[in-house]
Protein backbone atom coordinates (compact mmCIF):
# COMPACT_ATOMS: atom_id res chain seq x y z
CA MET A 1 79.70 37.26 -58.09
CA VAL A 2 76.25 36.02 -59.01
CA ASN A 3 75.62 32.78 -60.87
CA PRO A 4 73.05 33.70 -63.60
CA LEU A 5 72.22 30.10 -64.48
CA ALA A 6 71.40 29.38 -60.86
CA LEU A 7 69.11 32.43 -60.76
CA ALA A 8 67.02 31.07 -63.62
CA ALA A 9 66.96 27.58 -62.09
CA THR A 10 65.85 29.02 -58.74
CA LEU A 11 62.91 30.80 -60.33
CA GLN A 12 61.97 27.68 -62.26
CA ALA A 13 62.13 25.51 -59.12
CA ALA A 14 59.83 27.99 -57.36
CA ARG A 15 57.44 27.78 -60.34
CA LEU A 16 57.91 31.43 -61.15
CA SER A 17 58.33 32.69 -64.68
CA ARG A 18 61.70 34.18 -65.49
CA THR A 19 60.80 37.81 -66.12
CA GLN A 20 63.38 40.53 -66.50
CA THR A 21 62.18 42.22 -63.32
CA ARG A 22 62.38 39.04 -61.24
CA MET A 23 65.86 38.32 -62.56
CA LEU A 24 67.03 41.85 -61.75
CA VAL A 25 65.63 41.81 -58.21
CA LEU A 26 66.99 38.32 -57.52
CA THR A 27 70.38 39.31 -58.93
CA GLU A 28 70.52 42.33 -56.61
CA LEU A 29 69.57 40.17 -53.62
CA ALA A 30 72.19 37.57 -54.57
CA ARG A 31 74.81 40.28 -54.92
CA THR A 32 74.53 41.06 -51.21
CA GLY A 33 73.65 37.55 -49.98
CA PRO A 34 72.54 37.51 -46.33
CA VAL A 35 72.53 41.29 -45.87
CA PRO A 36 68.93 42.54 -45.42
CA ARG A 37 67.82 45.18 -47.95
CA THR A 38 64.59 47.14 -48.10
CA ALA A 39 62.48 47.29 -51.22
CA ARG A 40 63.41 50.98 -51.49
CA ASP A 41 67.14 50.16 -51.38
CA ILE A 42 66.81 47.53 -54.09
CA HIS A 43 64.61 49.77 -56.22
CA ALA A 44 67.11 52.65 -55.93
CA VAL A 45 70.00 50.44 -57.09
CA LEU A 46 67.98 49.19 -60.05
CA ARG A 47 67.04 52.75 -60.99
CA GLN A 48 70.72 53.79 -60.86
CA GLY A 49 71.34 51.06 -63.43
CA ARG A 50 68.80 52.82 -65.64
CA VAL A 51 66.14 50.16 -65.16
CA SER A 52 62.76 51.83 -65.39
CA LEU A 53 60.24 50.10 -63.17
CA PRO A 54 57.74 51.29 -60.59
CA PHE A 55 58.56 50.87 -56.91
CA SER A 56 55.32 48.90 -56.51
CA THR A 57 56.64 46.26 -58.94
CA THR A 58 59.86 45.85 -56.94
CA HIS A 59 57.83 45.52 -53.74
CA ARG A 60 55.43 43.02 -55.32
CA VAL A 61 58.29 40.87 -56.61
CA LEU A 62 59.89 40.78 -53.16
CA GLN A 63 56.61 39.78 -51.54
CA ARG A 64 56.17 37.02 -54.11
CA PHE A 65 59.71 35.78 -53.43
CA ALA A 66 58.93 35.76 -49.70
CA ASP A 67 55.71 33.80 -50.34
CA GLN A 68 57.73 31.21 -52.27
CA GLY A 69 60.45 30.99 -49.61
CA LEU A 70 63.20 32.47 -51.78
CA VAL A 71 63.72 35.39 -49.43
CA VAL A 72 63.12 36.09 -45.77
CA ALA A 73 61.44 39.30 -44.67
CA VAL A 74 62.74 40.81 -41.45
CA ALA A 75 61.26 43.76 -39.57
CA THR A 76 63.63 46.69 -39.55
CA ASP A 77 61.88 50.02 -39.33
CA PRO A 78 58.49 51.65 -39.84
CA GLY A 79 59.34 51.98 -43.55
CA GLY A 80 58.70 48.31 -44.11
CA PRO A 81 60.53 45.02 -44.00
CA ALA A 82 63.98 44.26 -45.31
CA TYR A 83 64.62 41.13 -47.33
CA HIS A 84 67.54 38.76 -47.65
CA LEU A 85 68.06 35.52 -49.50
CA SER A 86 66.96 32.33 -47.85
CA ALA A 87 70.01 30.70 -46.23
CA ASP A 88 69.79 27.59 -48.40
CA LEU A 89 69.96 29.69 -51.61
CA ILE A 90 73.09 31.65 -50.77
CA PRO A 91 75.57 28.87 -51.66
CA HIS A 92 73.76 28.24 -54.96
CA LEU A 93 73.28 31.80 -56.15
CA CYS A 94 76.41 33.47 -54.86
CA ARG A 95 79.87 32.36 -55.78
CA PRO A 96 83.14 33.89 -54.68
CA ASP A 97 84.76 36.49 -56.91
CA PRO A 98 87.69 35.05 -58.87
C-alpha cells in the first residue's frame, strides 16, 4: 500500500512541484518498491488505468526523479534503464497492506 501523504512530502523535499503525472509515476514506483521497472512498463500500467500521457513524459519524469535521487536507474537491456525507488524512500513511501 502506498502512503499518498508521503508521496507529496517526498516531491516537496526534492523541490519538485506536485503534478498529477509525477504523483502517478511515483505512486507506481512505490507500489513495487525495490523492483526495477522500465519506463515502458510504468507507462503501460498508467495507460491501462486510462491515464493519457505520452511515453516521453513518463521517461522525462523518471529521469528527473533520478537526477534528484528519488530513484536509481539500473542498466537492464538495450531498451533502456529500469528504475526503482531509492532505498531510503522505501520505508517512507511504502507501508504494509493491512
